[in-house]
C-alpha cells in the first residue's frame, strides 16, 4: 500500500513536535511557578500550589503602574504605526521611482537590525538633539519597528488588490476620497487590523529598545527584568508573566486567523 505523498513523514512530524515542545515547555513552567507556594527559589516540582500570589500581584501598585505605562505606549505606538505604515504602503505598493527599493529597505531595516543597535541609535539621536527621556521617547522608539509590521501587511494586500477596482470606482464618478473610503480601505481592513494587533503585541513586551529610550520610566518588561535581577517575591513576577503571555497571545492569535482567512482557498 503506497503512502499518501501529501502527508509528512514521521521524522518531520517528530521534529515539528520537538520544536513546539522546546518553545512551549518554558511557558508552561512559568505558569506552574505562578502557583508555587515557595517564594524564595525555584524547586521542581513545587512543594505546594497556591493562588495567593495573584492577590498579592493585584495589590502591588508598581505592577499596575508598569502595566498602565506599557498599555499607553503600545496603544500610541500602534496608532502612529497604523498611519505611517499605511501611507508608506500606499506610496510604494504600485508606484515605481528611482530609489524605491532603497526606501523599502530603510522602512524594513529597524525590525531586521538587532534591538540593541536600534536602541543605541535612538539614544544617540536623543542625546544629540538634547531630547529628554520621557513617555514620548519610548513611543518613538517602539513606533520605529511597529511601522514595519503594519507596512508589510498593508503593502502585501495592496499588491494583491486588482487595479481595476480603483479604475472602476473612478469611472463611476467617485473622487479620490470616496475611492479610498469605499474601495481601498475595505480591501485593507483585515490586513491593517492584523498588523495593528501584531504591532501592539510587539510594543507591549519590548524590552531592549525600551531600555535605551525609557530613562526613569518603567514599563512592564523593564519591571520584570528588575524583579528578576533583584527579586522581592519571585512568584509575583511569574504571575505578571502569565498576564503578559495572555495579553500578547490573544492579539497574535487574532492576527493569525485574520491573515489566514484571507489566504486563497480558505
Protein backbone atom coordinates (compact mmCIF):
# COMPACT_ATOMS: atom_id res chain seq x y z
CA UNK A 1 0.00 0.00 0.00
CA UNK A 2 1.51 3.31 -1.06
CA UNK A 3 1.69 6.12 1.49
CA UNK A 4 -0.04 9.41 0.92
CA UNK A 5 2.62 11.82 -0.51
CA UNK A 6 0.72 14.81 0.91
CA UNK A 7 1.28 13.60 4.49
CA UNK A 8 4.62 14.43 6.17
CA UNK A 9 6.83 11.56 7.27
CA UNK A 10 7.24 10.52 10.89
CA UNK A 11 10.64 12.21 11.09
CA UNK A 12 9.24 15.58 10.07
CA UNK A 13 6.32 15.19 12.47
CA UNK A 14 8.67 14.30 15.34
CA UNK A 15 10.89 17.31 14.56
CA UNK A 16 7.85 19.59 14.46
CA UNK A 17 6.56 18.39 17.82
CA UNK A 18 10.06 18.64 19.26
CA UNK A 19 10.27 22.30 18.21
CA UNK A 20 6.80 23.00 19.65
CA UNK A 21 7.73 21.43 22.99
CA UNK A 22 11.09 23.26 23.06
CA UNK A 23 9.29 26.58 22.66
CA UNK A 24 6.33 25.98 24.97
CA UNK A 25 7.64 23.95 27.90
CA UNK A 26 9.32 27.09 29.39
CA UNK A 27 5.98 28.91 29.14
CA UNK A 28 4.28 26.03 30.93
CA UNK A 29 6.89 26.23 33.70
CA UNK A 30 6.25 29.96 34.13
CA UNK A 31 2.53 29.26 34.57
CA UNK A 32 3.29 26.45 37.03
CA UNK A 33 5.61 28.60 39.19
CA UNK A 34 2.98 31.36 39.33
CA UNK A 35 1.08 28.96 41.62
CA UNK A 36 4.12 27.88 43.65
CA UNK A 37 3.92 28.31 47.43
CA UNK A 38 7.73 28.73 47.59
CA UNK A 39 8.63 32.44 47.34
CA UNK A 40 12.44 32.34 47.50
CA UNK A 41 13.65 29.82 44.94
CA UNK A 42 12.55 27.60 42.08
CA UNK A 43 12.03 23.99 43.17
CA UNK A 44 10.67 21.39 40.77
CA UNK A 45 8.12 20.17 41.35
CA UNK A 46 6.80 22.98 43.59
CA UNK A 47 6.29 21.75 47.16
CA UNK A 48 2.74 23.13 47.18
CA UNK A 49 0.42 25.12 44.96
CA UNK A 50 -1.46 28.28 45.89
CA UNK A 51 -3.31 31.18 44.27
CA UNK A 52 -2.24 33.73 46.89
CA UNK A 53 0.31 35.37 44.60
CA UNK A 54 -2.40 36.52 42.21
CA UNK A 55 -3.95 38.52 45.06
CA UNK A 56 -0.51 39.87 46.04
CA UNK A 57 0.20 40.96 42.46
CA UNK A 58 -3.25 42.58 42.23
CA UNK A 59 -2.42 44.81 45.22
CA UNK A 60 1.05 45.87 44.04
CA UNK A 61 0.85 49.47 42.83
CA UNK A 62 4.18 49.21 40.99
CA UNK A 63 2.75 46.38 38.88
CA UNK A 64 -0.31 48.42 37.89
CA UNK A 65 1.81 51.47 37.09
CA UNK A 66 4.07 49.41 34.82
CA UNK A 67 1.11 47.74 33.08
CA UNK A 68 -0.60 51.11 32.56
CA UNK A 69 2.51 52.67 31.03
CA UNK A 70 3.06 49.69 28.71
CA UNK A 71 -0.57 49.80 27.55
CA UNK A 72 -0.43 53.54 26.84
CA UNK A 73 2.87 53.26 24.97
CA UNK A 74 1.67 50.28 22.93
CA UNK A 75 -1.62 51.98 22.03
CA UNK A 76 0.01 55.21 20.83
CA UNK A 77 2.90 53.47 19.06
CA UNK A 78 0.39 51.27 17.24
CA UNK A 79 -1.71 54.28 16.23
CA UNK A 80 1.37 56.06 14.83
CA UNK A 81 2.42 52.87 13.04
CA UNK A 82 -1.03 52.41 11.51
CA UNK A 83 -0.94 55.88 9.96
CA UNK A 84 2.70 55.91 8.80
CA UNK A 85 2.75 52.25 7.73
CA UNK A 86 -0.42 52.61 5.65
CA UNK A 87 0.79 55.80 3.96
CA UNK A 88 4.17 54.23 3.19
CA UNK A 89 2.49 51.14 1.74
CA UNK A 90 0.20 53.27 -0.41
CA UNK A 91 3.19 55.18 -1.76
CA UNK A 92 5.33 52.12 -2.54
CA UNK A 93 2.85 49.37 -3.46
CA UNK A 94 2.30 50.26 -7.13
CA UNK A 95 4.37 53.30 -8.00
CA UNK A 96 7.88 52.97 -9.43
CA UNK A 97 10.55 55.63 -9.00
CA UNK A 98 14.30 55.91 -8.59
CA UNK A 99 15.31 54.76 -5.11
CA UNK A 100 12.08 52.85 -4.45
CA UNK A 101 13.90 49.70 -3.33
CA UNK A 102 16.20 51.72 -1.08
CA UNK A 103 13.23 53.39 0.62
CA UNK A 104 11.57 50.00 1.10
CA UNK A 105 14.77 48.62 2.64
CA UNK A 106 15.05 51.58 5.02
CA UNK A 107 11.46 51.01 6.16
CA UNK A 108 12.11 47.35 6.96
CA UNK A 109 15.57 47.89 8.47
CA UNK A 110 14.51 48.73 12.09
CA UNK A 111 12.96 45.31 12.63
CA UNK A 112 15.77 43.50 10.80
CA UNK A 113 18.52 45.07 12.93
CA UNK A 114 19.23 43.75 16.44
CA UNK A 115 17.25 45.65 19.05
CA UNK A 116 20.41 46.80 20.80
CA UNK A 117 21.58 48.56 17.61
CA UNK A 118 18.23 50.33 17.23
CA UNK A 119 18.29 51.29 20.91
CA UNK A 120 21.81 52.72 20.77
CA UNK A 121 20.97 54.67 17.59
CA UNK A 122 17.84 56.16 19.16
CA UNK A 123 19.66 57.04 22.38
CA UNK A 124 22.43 58.74 20.42
CA UNK A 125 19.86 60.70 18.42
CA UNK A 126 18.05 61.83 21.58
CA UNK A 127 21.35 62.90 23.15
CA UNK A 128 22.44 64.78 20.03
CA UNK A 129 19.11 66.60 19.78
CA UNK A 130 19.02 67.13 23.56
CA UNK A 131 15.62 65.44 23.86
CA UNK A 132 14.91 64.43 27.48
CA UNK A 133 13.86 60.84 28.09
CA UNK A 134 10.14 60.51 28.71
CA UNK A 135 7.00 58.66 27.72
CA UNK A 136 7.30 60.12 24.23
CA UNK A 137 10.82 58.84 23.62
CA UNK A 138 9.58 55.31 24.35
CA UNK A 139 6.68 55.77 21.92
CA UNK A 140 9.02 56.96 19.16
CA UNK A 141 11.35 54.02 19.77
CA UNK A 142 8.51 51.49 19.59
CA UNK A 143 6.95 53.13 16.55
CA UNK A 144 10.16 52.58 14.55
CA UNK A 145 9.60 48.81 14.44
CA UNK A 146 5.80 48.82 14.71
CA UNK A 147 5.63 50.72 11.41
CA UNK A 148 7.37 47.80 9.71
CA UNK A 149 4.69 45.30 10.78
CA UNK A 150 1.83 47.47 9.55
CA UNK A 151 3.69 48.35 6.35
CA UNK A 152 4.40 44.72 5.47
CA UNK A 153 0.75 43.72 5.91
CA UNK A 154 -0.62 46.73 4.04
CA UNK A 155 1.79 46.59 1.10
CA UNK A 156 1.16 42.87 0.59
CA UNK A 157 -2.59 43.44 0.49
CA UNK A 158 -2.34 46.43 -1.85
CA UNK A 159 -0.20 44.45 -4.30
CA UNK A 160 -2.85 41.71 -4.32
CA UNK A 161 -5.70 44.19 -4.88
CA UNK A 162 -6.73 44.47 -8.52
CA UNK A 163 -6.11 47.93 -10.03
CA UNK A 164 -9.36 47.51 -11.97
CA UNK A 165 -11.32 48.10 -8.76
CA UNK A 166 -9.85 51.58 -8.40
CA UNK A 167 -10.29 52.29 -12.11
CA UNK A 168 -13.92 51.18 -11.96
CA UNK A 169 -14.54 53.43 -8.97
CA UNK A 170 -13.11 56.42 -10.83
CA UNK A 171 -15.09 55.57 -13.98
CA UNK A 172 -18.29 55.56 -11.95
CA UNK A 173 -17.64 59.12 -10.78
CA UNK A 174 -16.07 58.57 -7.34
CA UNK A 175 -13.45 61.08 -6.28
CA UNK A 176 -10.18 60.17 -4.54
CA UNK A 177 -11.56 60.22 -1.01
CA UNK A 178 -14.63 58.20 -1.95
CA UNK A 179 -12.44 55.60 -3.64
CA UNK A 180 -10.21 55.38 -0.57
CA UNK A 181 -13.19 55.08 1.76
CA UNK A 182 -15.38 52.67 -0.20
CA UNK A 183 -12.85 50.62 -2.19
CA UNK A 184 -9.31 50.70 -0.79
CA UNK A 185 -9.98 50.72 2.97
CA UNK A 186 -12.43 47.78 2.87
CA UNK A 187 -9.77 45.80 0.99
CA UNK A 188 -7.15 46.78 3.57
CA UNK A 189 -9.35 46.31 6.64
CA UNK A 190 -8.31 42.86 7.88
CA UNK A 191 -4.65 43.41 6.90
CA UNK A 192 -4.48 46.66 8.88
CA UNK A 193 -6.23 45.08 11.85
CA UNK A 194 -3.82 42.14 11.84
CA UNK A 195 -0.84 44.48 11.51
CA UNK A 196 -2.13 46.67 14.33
CA UNK A 197 -2.63 43.69 16.65
CA UNK A 198 0.87 42.40 15.96
CA UNK A 199 2.35 45.88 16.44
CA UNK A 200 0.55 46.24 19.78
CA UNK A 201 1.83 42.86 20.97
CA UNK A 202 5.40 43.69 19.91
CA UNK A 203 5.33 47.06 21.63
CA UNK A 204 3.75 45.76 24.83
CA UNK A 205 6.53 43.27 25.57
CA UNK A 206 9.51 45.11 24.04
CA UNK A 207 12.43 45.39 26.46
CA UNK A 208 15.70 46.00 24.55
CA UNK A 209 14.81 49.24 22.74
CA UNK A 210 12.88 50.39 25.82
CA UNK A 211 15.98 50.03 27.99
CA UNK A 212 17.78 52.64 25.87
CA UNK A 213 14.84 55.05 25.48
CA UNK A 214 12.91 54.92 28.76
CA UNK A 215 15.11 56.93 31.10
CA UNK A 216 13.46 56.65 34.54
CA UNK A 217 10.19 55.30 33.11
CA UNK A 218 9.36 51.70 33.99
CA UNK A 219 7.34 49.69 31.50
CA UNK A 220 6.15 46.21 32.38
CA UNK A 221 9.06 44.34 30.68
CA UNK A 222 11.55 46.66 32.42
CA UNK A 223 9.80 46.00 35.76
CA UNK A 224 10.02 42.25 35.18
CA UNK A 225 13.73 42.49 34.31
CA UNK A 226 14.40 44.44 37.51
CA UNK A 227 12.44 41.90 39.56
CA UNK A 228 14.44 39.03 38.09
CA UNK A 229 17.73 40.74 38.95
CA UNK A 230 16.69 41.77 42.48
CA UNK A 231 13.60 39.69 43.28
CA UNK A 232 11.26 40.61 46.10
CA UNK A 233 8.68 37.90 45.55
CA UNK A 234 9.54 35.51 42.71
CA UNK A 235 6.02 34.10 42.20
CA UNK A 236 4.64 37.62 41.68
CA UNK A 237 6.97 38.00 38.71
CA UNK A 238 5.63 34.75 37.30
CA UNK A 239 2.05 35.88 37.84
CA UNK A 240 2.77 39.07 35.87
CA UNK A 241 4.48 36.97 33.19
CA UNK A 242 1.28 34.91 32.86
CA UNK A 243 -0.65 38.15 32.33
CA UNK A 244 1.84 39.23 29.65
CA UNK A 245 1.52 35.86 27.91
CA UNK A 246 -2.27 36.23 27.84
CA UNK A 247 -2.22 39.86 26.67
CA UNK A 248 0.24 39.16 23.84
CA UNK A 249 -1.13 35.74 22.86
CA UNK A 250 -4.66 36.97 22.17
CA UNK A 251 -3.79 39.69 19.61
CA UNK A 252 -1.24 37.43 17.90
CA UNK A 253 -3.83 34.65 17.65
CA UNK A 254 -6.41 37.09 16.29
CA UNK A 255 -3.91 38.43 13.73
CA UNK A 256 -3.09 34.87 12.66
CA UNK A 257 -6.70 33.98 11.97
CA UNK A 258 -7.36 37.29 10.21
CA UNK A 259 -4.47 36.82 7.79
CA UNK A 260 -5.21 33.09 7.41
CA UNK A 261 -8.79 33.79 6.45
CA UNK A 262 -7.59 35.94 3.55
CA UNK A 263 -5.42 33.22 2.02
CA UNK A 264 -6.67 31.65 -1.22
CA UNK A 265 -8.77 28.57 -0.67
CA UNK A 266 -9.66 29.46 2.94
